[in-house]
Amino acid sequence: MSFFKRLKSKFVKEEETTDKYKEGMTKTRQSFTSKINDLIARYRLVDEDFFEELE
């Protein structure tokens, strides 16, 4: 295997890992924001129940 092919293979693997990481972070972000939005939608007023659910 030539030097440039080895070098290229190293970068291709990193791009795959980066794409997998980005997909995971996108999924986490969407899940987190949907849970926060749901929590806020249920409790329009800030009261004791809101703080209990937030914990």
C-alpha atoms as a PDB file:
ATOM      1  CA  MET A   1       0.000   0.000   0.000  1.00  0.00           C
ATOM      2  CA  SER A   2       1.382   3.367  -0.920  1.00  0.00           C
ATOM      3  CA  PHE A   3       1.959   6.203   1.495  1.00  0.00           C
ATOM      4  CA  PHE A   4      -0.900   8.328   0.154  1.00  0.00           C
ATOM      5  CA  LYS A   5      -3.412   5.484   0.281  1.00  0.00           C
ATOM      6  CA  ARG A   6      -2.565   4.874   3.938  1.00  0.00           C
ATOM      7  CA  LEU A   7      -2.820   8.556   4.680  1.00  0.00           C
ATOM      8  CA  LYS A   8      -6.173   8.799   2.910  1.00  0.00           C
ATOM      9  CA  SER A   9      -7.522   5.761   4.773  1.00  0.00           C
ATOM     10  CA  LYS A  10      -6.729   7.442   8.099  1.00  0.00           C
ATOM     11  CA  PHE A  11      -8.767  10.518   7.171  1.00  0.00           C
ATOM     12  CA  VAL A  12     -11.717   8.546   5.809  1.00  0.00           C
ATOM     13  CA  LYS A  13     -12.087   6.668   9.102  1.00  0.00           C
ATOM     14  CA  GLU A  14     -12.082   9.919  11.037  1.00  0.00           C
ATOM     15  CA  GLU A  15     -14.811  11.340   8.819  1.00  0.00           C
ATOM     16  CA  GLU A  16     -16.975   8.271   9.471  1.00  0.00           C
ATOM     17  CA  THR A  17     -16.448   8.659  13.214  1.00  0.00           C
ATOM     18  CA  THR A  18     -17.245  12.367  13.011  1.00  0.00           C
ATOM     19  CA  ASP A  19     -20.458  11.700  11.094  1.00  0.00           C
ATOM     20  CA  LYS A  20     -21.521   9.084  13.652  1.00  0.00           C
ATOM     21  CA  TYR A  21     -20.780  11.532  16.479  1.00  0.00           C
ATOM     22  CA  LYS A  22     -22.768  14.307  14.797  1.00  0.00           C
ATOM     23  CA  GLU A  23     -25.757  11.999  14.249  1.00  0.00           C
ATOM     24  CA  GLY A  24     -25.691  10.968  17.910  1.00  0.00           C
ATOM     25  CA  MET A  25     -25.489  14.554  19.104  1.00  0.00           C
ATOM     26  CA  THR A  26     -28.380  15.559  16.835  1.00  0.00           C
ATOM     27  CA  LYS A  27     -30.523  12.763  18.255  1.00  0.00           C
ATOM     28  CA  THR A  28     -29.605  13.765  21.830  1.00  0.00           C
ATOM     29  CA  ARG A  29     -30.334  17.434  21.157  1.00  0.00           C
ATOM     30  CA  GLN A  30     -33.743  16.667  19.671  1.00  0.00           C
ATOM     31  CA  SER A  31     -34.672  14.370  22.547  1.00  0.00           C
ATOM     32  CA  PHE A  32     -33.548  16.852  25.186  1.00  0.00           C
ATOM     33  CA  THR A  33     -35.333  19.827  23.651  1.00  0.00           C
ATOM     34  CA  SER A  34     -38.540  17.865  23.124  1.00  0.00           C
ATOM     35  CA  LYS A  35     -38.571  16.857  26.801  1.00  0.00           C
ATOM     36  CA  ILE A  36     -37.970  20.444  27.919  1.00  0.00           C
ATOM     37  CA  ASN A  37     -40.701  21.726  25.587  1.00  0.00           C
ATOM     38  CA  ASP A  38     -43.098  19.077  26.901  1.00  0.00           C
ATOM     39  CA  LEU A  39     -42.323  20.061  30.471  1.00  0.00           C
ATOM     40  CA  ILE A  40     -42.894  23.741  29.758  1.00  0.00           C
ATOM     41  CA  ALA A  41     -46.121  23.011  27.850  1.00  0.00           C
ATOM     42  CA  ARG A  42     -47.561  21.090  30.811  1.00  0.00           C
ATOM     43  CA  TYR A  43     -46.735  23.764  33.358  1.00  0.00           C
ATOM     44  CA  ARG A  44     -47.455  27.231  32.027  1.00  0.00           C
ATOM     45  CA  LEU A  45     -47.299  28.720  35.506  1.00  0.00           C
ATOM     46  CA  VAL A  46     -44.261  28.296  37.696  1.00  0.00           C
ATOM     47  CA  ASP A  47     -45.417  26.627  40.880  1.00  0.00           C
ATOM     48  CA  GLU A  48     -44.339  23.896  43.281  1.00  0.00           C
ATOM     49  CA  ASP A  49     -45.374  21.093  40.884  1.00  0.00           C
ATOM     50  CA  PHE A  50     -43.203  22.578  38.144  1.00  0.00           C
ATOM     51  CA  PHE A  51     -40.121  22.540  40.337  1.00  0.00           C
ATOM     52  CA  GLU A  52     -40.833  18.993  41.498  1.00  0.00           C
ATOM     53  CA  GLU A  53     -41.105  17.779  37.906  1.00  0.00           C
ATOM     54  CA  LEU A  54     -37.979  19.695  36.927  1.00  0.00           C
ATOM     55  CA  GLU A  55     -35.904  17.855  39.542  1.00  0.00           C
END
